[in-house]
N, C-alpha and C. Protein backbone atom coordinates (compact mmCIF):
# COMPACT_ATOMS: atom_id res chain seq x y z
N MET A 1 24.63 45.94 79.72
CA MET A 1 25.54 45.95 78.60
C MET A 1 26.82 46.67 78.95
N GLN A 2 27.85 46.16 78.33
CA GLN A 2 29.15 46.75 78.60
C GLN A 2 29.49 47.76 77.52
N GLU A 3 29.99 48.86 77.95
CA GLU A 3 30.35 49.91 77.00
C GLU A 3 31.67 49.59 76.34
N SER A 4 31.78 49.88 75.06
CA SER A 4 33.02 49.66 74.31
C SER A 4 33.86 50.92 74.40
N HIS A 5 35.11 50.71 74.82
CA HIS A 5 36.02 51.85 74.95
C HIS A 5 36.92 51.99 73.73
N PHE A 6 36.65 51.20 72.71
CA PHE A 6 37.46 51.27 71.51
C PHE A 6 36.92 52.34 70.58
N THR A 7 37.84 53.10 70.07
CA THR A 7 37.46 54.10 69.08
C THR A 7 37.53 53.48 67.69
N GLU A 8 37.07 54.21 66.73
CA GLU A 8 37.12 53.72 65.34
C GLU A 8 38.57 53.48 64.91
N ASN A 9 39.48 54.33 65.33
CA ASN A 9 40.90 54.19 65.01
C ASN A 9 41.46 52.90 65.62
N ASP A 10 41.05 52.58 66.86
CA ASP A 10 41.50 51.34 67.51
C ASP A 10 41.03 50.12 66.72
N ARG A 11 39.80 50.16 66.29
CA ARG A 11 39.25 49.04 65.51
C ARG A 11 40.01 48.88 64.18
N ARG A 12 40.32 50.00 63.55
CA ARG A 12 41.06 49.96 62.29
C ARG A 12 42.45 49.38 62.50
N ILE A 13 43.11 49.75 63.57
CA ILE A 13 44.44 49.23 63.88
C ILE A 13 44.39 47.73 64.15
N ILE A 14 43.37 47.27 64.86
CA ILE A 14 43.22 45.84 65.14
C ILE A 14 42.99 45.06 63.84
N ILE A 15 42.18 45.59 62.97
CA ILE A 15 41.92 44.91 61.68
C ILE A 15 43.19 44.87 60.83
N GLU A 16 43.92 45.98 60.76
CA GLU A 16 45.18 46.01 59.99
C GLU A 16 46.19 45.03 60.56
N SER A 17 46.26 44.99 61.89
CA SER A 17 47.18 44.06 62.54
C SER A 17 46.80 42.61 62.24
N SER A 18 45.51 42.35 62.24
CA SER A 18 45.03 41.00 61.94
C SER A 18 45.39 40.60 60.52
N VAL A 19 45.20 41.52 59.57
CA VAL A 19 45.53 41.23 58.17
C VAL A 19 47.03 41.00 58.01
N LYS A 20 47.84 41.83 58.66
CA LYS A 20 49.29 41.68 58.57
C LYS A 20 49.74 40.37 59.21
N LEU A 21 49.11 40.00 60.31
CA LEU A 21 49.44 38.74 60.97
C LEU A 21 49.10 37.56 60.06
N GLU A 22 47.99 37.62 59.36
CA GLU A 22 47.62 36.56 58.41
C GLU A 22 48.66 36.46 57.29
N ARG A 23 49.14 37.60 56.81
CA ARG A 23 50.19 37.60 55.77
C ARG A 23 51.47 36.96 56.30
N VAL A 24 51.84 37.31 57.53
CA VAL A 24 53.06 36.75 58.13
C VAL A 24 52.92 35.24 58.27
N ILE A 25 51.77 34.78 58.71
CA ILE A 25 51.53 33.35 58.85
C ILE A 25 51.63 32.65 57.50
N ALA A 26 51.06 33.24 56.47
CA ALA A 26 51.14 32.66 55.12
C ALA A 26 52.58 32.64 54.62
N ASP A 27 53.33 33.73 54.87
CA ASP A 27 54.74 33.77 54.45
C ASP A 27 55.56 32.71 55.16
N VAL A 28 55.34 32.55 56.46
CA VAL A 28 56.07 31.54 57.23
C VAL A 28 55.74 30.14 56.72
N LYS A 29 54.48 29.90 56.41
CA LYS A 29 54.07 28.60 55.87
C LYS A 29 54.75 28.35 54.53
N GLU A 30 54.81 29.38 53.68
CA GLU A 30 55.48 29.25 52.38
C GLU A 30 56.97 28.96 52.56
N LEU A 31 57.60 29.68 53.49
CA LEU A 31 59.02 29.43 53.77
C LEU A 31 59.24 28.01 54.28
N LYS A 32 58.36 27.55 55.13
CA LYS A 32 58.46 26.20 55.69
C LYS A 32 58.34 25.17 54.57
N ASP A 33 57.38 25.34 53.68
CA ASP A 33 57.20 24.41 52.56
C ASP A 33 58.41 24.44 51.63
N ASN A 34 58.90 25.64 51.33
CA ASN A 34 60.07 25.79 50.47
C ASN A 34 61.29 25.15 51.11
N PHE A 35 61.46 25.35 52.40
CA PHE A 35 62.59 24.78 53.12
C PHE A 35 62.52 23.26 53.09
N ALA A 36 61.35 22.72 53.29
CA ALA A 36 61.19 21.26 53.27
C ALA A 36 61.51 20.69 51.90
N SER A 37 61.08 21.36 50.84
CA SER A 37 61.38 20.86 49.49
C SER A 37 62.86 20.98 49.17
N ARG A 38 63.52 22.02 49.64
CA ARG A 38 64.96 22.17 49.42
C ARG A 38 65.74 21.11 50.18
N VAL A 39 65.34 20.83 51.40
CA VAL A 39 66.02 19.78 52.18
C VAL A 39 65.82 18.43 51.50
N SER A 40 64.63 18.18 51.02
CA SER A 40 64.35 16.93 50.31
C SER A 40 65.22 16.81 49.07
N ALA A 41 65.36 17.89 48.32
CA ALA A 41 66.20 17.87 47.11
C ALA A 41 67.66 17.62 47.47
N LEU A 42 68.13 18.23 48.55
CA LEU A 42 69.51 18.01 48.99
C LEU A 42 69.73 16.58 49.45
N GLU A 43 68.75 16.01 50.12
CA GLU A 43 68.84 14.62 50.55
C GLU A 43 68.97 13.69 49.35
N ASN A 44 68.27 14.00 48.28
CA ASN A 44 68.34 13.17 47.08
C ASN A 44 69.68 13.30 46.37
N GLN A 45 70.34 14.45 46.53
CA GLN A 45 71.59 14.70 45.83
C GLN A 45 72.83 14.42 46.68
N LYS A 46 72.66 14.02 47.90
CA LYS A 46 73.82 13.87 48.77
C LYS A 46 74.71 12.73 48.30
N VAL A 47 75.97 12.84 48.63
CA VAL A 47 76.96 11.84 48.23
C VAL A 47 77.13 10.86 49.39
N ASP A 48 77.09 9.59 49.06
CA ASP A 48 77.29 8.61 50.12
C ASP A 48 78.79 8.42 50.38
N LYS A 49 79.13 7.75 51.45
CA LYS A 49 80.52 7.60 51.89
C LYS A 49 81.35 6.84 50.86
N ASP A 50 80.79 5.81 50.25
CA ASP A 50 81.55 5.03 49.26
C ASP A 50 81.93 5.89 48.06
N THR A 51 80.99 6.69 47.58
CA THR A 51 81.27 7.56 46.44
C THR A 51 82.33 8.59 46.81
N TYR A 52 82.23 9.13 48.02
CA TYR A 52 83.22 10.12 48.46
C TYR A 52 84.60 9.50 48.58
N ASP A 53 84.68 8.30 49.15
CA ASP A 53 85.97 7.63 49.29
C ASP A 53 86.58 7.33 47.92
N LYS A 54 85.75 6.89 46.98
CA LYS A 54 86.22 6.60 45.63
C LYS A 54 86.74 7.88 44.97
N PHE A 55 86.00 8.97 45.14
CA PHE A 55 86.42 10.25 44.57
C PHE A 55 87.76 10.68 45.16
N CYS A 56 87.92 10.55 46.47
CA CYS A 56 89.18 10.94 47.12
C CYS A 56 90.34 10.10 46.62
N LYS A 57 90.11 8.80 46.46
CA LYS A 57 91.17 7.90 45.97
C LYS A 57 91.57 8.28 44.55
N GLU A 58 90.58 8.50 43.68
CA GLU A 58 90.89 8.88 42.30
C GLU A 58 91.63 10.20 42.24
N THR A 59 91.22 11.15 43.05
CA THR A 59 91.88 12.45 43.08
C THR A 59 93.32 12.32 43.55
N THR A 60 93.54 11.49 44.56
CA THR A 60 94.90 11.28 45.06
C THR A 60 95.77 10.63 44.00
N LEU A 61 95.23 9.64 43.30
CA LEU A 61 95.99 8.98 42.24
C LEU A 61 96.33 9.96 41.11
N LEU A 62 95.37 10.78 40.73
CA LEU A 62 95.63 11.76 39.68
C LEU A 62 96.68 12.79 40.11
N THR A 63 96.61 13.21 41.35
CA THR A 63 97.58 14.17 41.86
C THR A 63 98.97 13.56 41.90
N GLU A 64 99.07 12.31 42.36
CA GLU A 64 100.38 11.64 42.40
C GLU A 64 100.95 11.48 40.99
N ASP A 65 100.10 11.10 40.04
CA ASP A 65 100.55 10.96 38.65
C ASP A 65 101.02 12.29 38.10
N HIS A 66 100.29 13.33 38.40
CA HIS A 66 100.66 14.67 37.95
C HIS A 66 102.02 15.07 38.51
N GLU A 67 102.22 14.81 39.79
CA GLU A 67 103.50 15.15 40.42
C GLU A 67 104.65 14.35 39.80
N LYS A 68 104.45 13.07 39.51
CA LYS A 68 105.49 12.25 38.88
C LYS A 68 105.87 12.82 37.52
N ARG A 69 104.87 13.18 36.73
CA ARG A 69 105.16 13.73 35.41
C ARG A 69 105.87 15.07 35.50
N LEU A 70 105.50 15.90 36.46
CA LEU A 70 106.20 17.17 36.65
C LEU A 70 107.65 16.95 37.01
N ARG A 71 107.92 16.01 37.91
CA ARG A 71 109.31 15.72 38.32
C ARG A 71 110.12 15.20 37.13
N ARG A 72 109.51 14.33 36.31
CA ARG A 72 110.20 13.79 35.14
C ARG A 72 110.51 14.92 34.15
N ASN A 73 109.54 15.81 33.93
CA ASN A 73 109.77 16.93 33.02
C ASN A 73 110.84 17.87 33.55
N GLU A 74 110.89 18.07 34.86
CA GLU A 74 111.94 18.91 35.45
C GLU A 74 113.31 18.29 35.20
N ARG A 75 113.39 16.97 35.36
CA ARG A 75 114.66 16.27 35.15
C ARG A 75 115.12 16.46 33.70
N TYR A 76 114.20 16.30 32.73
CA TYR A 76 114.56 16.50 31.33
C TYR A 76 114.95 17.94 31.05
N LEU A 77 114.29 18.87 31.69
CA LEU A 77 114.62 20.28 31.52
C LEU A 77 116.03 20.55 32.00
N TYR A 78 116.38 20.03 33.18
CA TYR A 78 117.73 20.23 33.71
C TYR A 78 118.77 19.58 32.82
N LEU A 79 118.46 18.40 32.28
CA LEU A 79 119.39 17.74 31.36
C LEU A 79 119.57 18.57 30.09
N ALA A 80 118.49 19.13 29.57
CA ALA A 80 118.57 19.97 28.37
C ALA A 80 119.38 21.23 28.64
N ILE A 81 119.17 21.85 29.80
CA ILE A 81 119.94 23.06 30.15
C ILE A 81 121.42 22.71 30.26
N GLY A 82 121.72 21.59 30.91
CA GLY A 82 123.12 21.16 31.02
C GLY A 82 123.72 20.87 29.66
N GLY A 83 122.96 20.20 28.79
CA GLY A 83 123.46 19.90 27.45
C GLY A 83 123.73 21.17 26.66
N PHE A 84 122.82 22.13 26.72
CA PHE A 84 123.05 23.39 26.00
C PHE A 84 124.23 24.16 26.58
N THR A 85 124.42 24.05 27.88
CA THR A 85 125.58 24.71 28.50
C THR A 85 126.88 24.10 27.99
N VAL A 86 126.96 22.77 27.97
CA VAL A 86 128.15 22.09 27.45
C VAL A 86 128.35 22.44 25.99
N LEU A 87 127.28 22.46 25.21
CA LEU A 87 127.37 22.80 23.79
C LEU A 87 127.87 24.23 23.61
N GLN A 88 127.39 25.15 24.43
CA GLN A 88 127.82 26.54 24.32
C GLN A 88 129.31 26.67 24.67
N ILE A 89 129.73 25.97 25.73
CA ILE A 89 131.15 26.00 26.10
C ILE A 89 131.99 25.43 24.96
N PHE A 90 131.56 24.33 24.38
CA PHE A 90 132.28 23.71 23.27
C PHE A 90 132.37 24.66 22.08
N ILE A 91 131.27 25.33 21.74
CA ILE A 91 131.27 26.26 20.61
C ILE A 91 132.19 27.44 20.91
N ASP A 92 132.15 27.98 22.14
CA ASP A 92 133.03 29.10 22.51
C ASP A 92 134.49 28.70 22.38
N ILE A 93 134.84 27.51 22.86
CA ILE A 93 136.23 27.06 22.80
C ILE A 93 136.62 26.80 21.35
N TYR A 94 135.80 26.17 20.58
CA TYR A 94 136.12 25.79 19.21
C TYR A 94 136.27 27.01 18.30
N PHE A 95 135.37 28.01 18.44
CA PHE A 95 135.42 29.16 17.54
C PHE A 95 136.39 30.25 18.01
N LYS A 96 136.90 30.19 19.22
CA LYS A 96 137.86 31.20 19.68
C LYS A 96 139.28 30.83 19.24
N LYS A 97 139.52 29.64 18.85
CA LYS A 97 140.87 29.25 18.43
C LYS A 97 141.20 29.73 17.07
């Protein structure tokens, strides 16, 4: 028979290590399952190329329309400022006489 050189403390450490290793294995398995379900959910929600192209086109059209309206409003603003300036000059000249 072979003599065992392990002490009681050694046996306790081996058992604790074994239990901790089992917990780590279970945690890794849970992470793996969770990761797989998350990837599956993302695959179901992904946007295809046609939808992305359509979205980009609509966004570009909206942006261009927005820019056109801003430029038109700026033009009207400058016309209004010019009109008020002419009106102010006219009032100053008319009331100073």
